[in-house]
Each structure stands twice: as structure tokens, then as C-alpha cells.
């Protein structure tokens, strides 16, 4: 268990720039999404947000979420998405070794 924690810490420490860029990407997409919703209220017809604006907001928030999920999978964490009755869980696949264990009788 301690070995796994050391590996995760070293992977986290190796790429602080990637982590920072994913945070910045999420913040930019979030603020653009909020601006789209606010502009949707201001632009005529007042108080009605066009469905294309809502679709754009959803897509803008989806991309950084996928980036976070990818980063979590790289670090060996489990990612779970829920929407209504649908649930998706993604884990990192363990690498298999092609080396057969040595029997003590073969020595």
C-alpha cells in the first residue's frame, strides 16, 4: 500500500504543469459558460435562453470534465459518471506481465 502511495505521489509531483493547465482550462470554460447564460438573458427576446446556448454551455463544461477524468485515470483512480438511470465507472487497466513465475522445482 505504501508503495502505491509513493507511486501516486511521484506521478502527481512529476506533472504540476498539467494539473495547473487543467484547472485553468476548467475555470475558463466555466466563466465563458456563465457569460453565455447571462448574455442569453440580456439579448432579445429578453429572459429567454436559446437552446443552442444551453447546448454550448453543456459542451463547454463537458470538455474540462473529460480532461479531469483522463487525469484521474492516469493516476490510477476510479472515475464514475451518473446521469439519471445511467452509470459509467472507469478504472485503469492493470498491465499484465508476460513473465511466468518460476517454480522452485525448476531450479
Protein backbone atom coordinates (compact mmCIF):
# COMPACT_ATOMS: atom_id res chain seq x y z
CA UNK A 1 0.00 0.00 0.00
CA UNK A 2 2.83 2.40 0.86
CA UNK A 3 4.49 1.63 -2.46
CA UNK A 4 1.29 2.58 -4.33
CA UNK A 5 1.07 5.84 -2.39
CA UNK A 6 4.69 6.68 -3.30
CA UNK A 7 4.00 5.98 -6.99
CA UNK A 8 0.89 8.17 -6.95
CA UNK A 9 2.75 10.97 -5.18
CA UNK A 10 5.63 10.82 -7.66
CA UNK A 11 3.23 10.91 -10.63
CA UNK A 12 1.41 13.86 -9.10
CA UNK A 13 4.68 15.67 -8.47
CA UNK A 14 6.00 14.98 -11.98
CA UNK A 15 3.32 16.96 -13.75
CA UNK A 16 2.23 20.00 -11.75
CA UNK A 17 2.04 21.97 -15.00
CA UNK A 18 -0.57 19.54 -16.40
CA UNK A 19 -2.61 19.88 -13.23
CA UNK A 20 -2.42 23.68 -13.38
CA UNK A 21 -3.41 23.74 -17.05
CA UNK A 22 -6.43 21.53 -16.38
CA UNK A 23 -7.53 23.91 -13.59
CA UNK A 24 -7.09 26.94 -15.84
CA UNK A 25 -8.98 25.22 -18.67
CA UNK A 26 -11.87 24.40 -16.35
CA UNK A 27 -12.00 27.96 -14.98
CA UNK A 28 -12.02 29.50 -18.47
CA UNK A 29 -14.77 27.17 -19.69
CA UNK A 30 -16.81 27.78 -16.54
CA UNK A 31 -16.66 31.58 -16.82
CA UNK A 32 -17.45 31.50 -20.54
CA UNK A 33 -20.46 29.27 -19.75
CA UNK A 34 -21.70 31.71 -17.11
CA UNK A 35 -21.22 34.59 -19.54
CA UNK A 36 -23.24 32.74 -22.19
CA UNK A 37 -26.12 32.22 -19.77
CA UNK A 38 -26.07 35.88 -18.64
CA UNK A 39 -25.94 37.08 -22.26
CA UNK A 40 -28.83 34.75 -23.05
CA UNK A 41 -31.00 36.76 -20.63
CA UNK A 42 -29.85 40.14 -21.97
CA UNK A 43 -30.10 39.53 -25.74
CA UNK A 44 -33.60 39.88 -27.22
CA UNK A 45 -36.00 38.22 -26.61
CA UNK A 46 -35.32 39.15 -23.01
CA UNK A 47 -35.48 36.36 -20.43
CA UNK A 48 -35.45 33.51 -22.96
CA UNK A 49 -32.30 31.48 -23.42
CA UNK A 50 -31.94 29.83 -26.83
CA UNK A 51 -31.46 26.02 -26.72
CA UNK A 52 -28.25 26.35 -28.75
CA UNK A 53 -26.83 28.49 -25.92
CA UNK A 54 -27.64 25.79 -23.39
CA UNK A 55 -26.05 23.16 -25.64
CA UNK A 56 -22.89 25.27 -25.88
CA UNK A 57 -22.78 25.60 -22.07
CA UNK A 58 -23.10 21.83 -21.69
CA UNK A 59 -20.31 21.18 -24.17
CA UNK A 60 -18.04 23.80 -22.61
CA UNK A 61 -18.40 22.12 -19.22
CA UNK A 62 -18.06 18.62 -20.67
CA UNK A 63 -14.56 19.07 -22.11
CA UNK A 64 -12.77 20.02 -18.85
CA UNK A 65 -14.69 17.27 -17.05
CA UNK A 66 -13.32 14.73 -19.52
CA UNK A 67 -9.84 16.21 -19.01
CA UNK A 68 -10.18 15.72 -15.23
CA UNK A 69 -11.43 12.17 -15.75
CA UNK A 70 -8.47 11.37 -18.02
CA UNK A 71 -6.04 12.75 -15.45
CA UNK A 72 -7.68 10.73 -12.67
CA UNK A 73 -7.41 7.53 -14.73
CA UNK A 74 -3.72 8.27 -15.37
CA UNK A 75 -3.20 8.44 -11.61
CA UNK A 76 -4.96 5.09 -11.15
CA UNK A 77 -8.15 6.44 -9.64
CA UNK A 78 -11.68 5.31 -10.44
CA UNK A 79 -13.95 7.69 -12.36
CA UNK A 80 -17.73 7.37 -12.13
CA UNK A 81 -20.32 9.28 -14.19
CA UNK A 82 -24.02 9.26 -13.26
CA UNK A 83 -26.90 10.66 -15.29
CA UNK A 84 -30.43 9.57 -14.48
CA UNK A 85 -30.51 5.77 -14.62
CA UNK A 86 -27.18 5.54 -16.45
CA UNK A 87 -23.97 4.94 -14.53
CA UNK A 88 -20.49 4.55 -16.03
CA UNK A 89 -17.44 3.54 -13.98
CA UNK A 90 -13.94 3.62 -15.47
CA UNK A 91 -10.80 2.22 -13.88
CA UNK A 92 -7.26 1.97 -15.15
CA UNK A 93 -6.45 -1.45 -16.53
CA UNK A 94 -3.61 -3.25 -14.78
CA UNK A 95 -0.71 -4.16 -17.05
CA UNK A 96 -0.12 -7.86 -17.39
CA UNK A 97 3.38 -9.24 -17.35
CA UNK A 98 4.42 -11.90 -19.86
CA UNK A 99 6.91 -13.45 -17.43
CA UNK A 100 5.85 -16.77 -15.98
CA UNK A 101 6.55 -17.32 -12.31
CA UNK A 102 9.47 -19.63 -11.65
CA UNK A 103 8.67 -22.88 -9.91
CA UNK A 104 11.00 -23.94 -7.15
CA UNK A 105 11.21 -27.40 -8.75
CA UNK A 106 12.72 -25.95 -11.95
CA UNK A 107 15.76 -24.66 -10.03
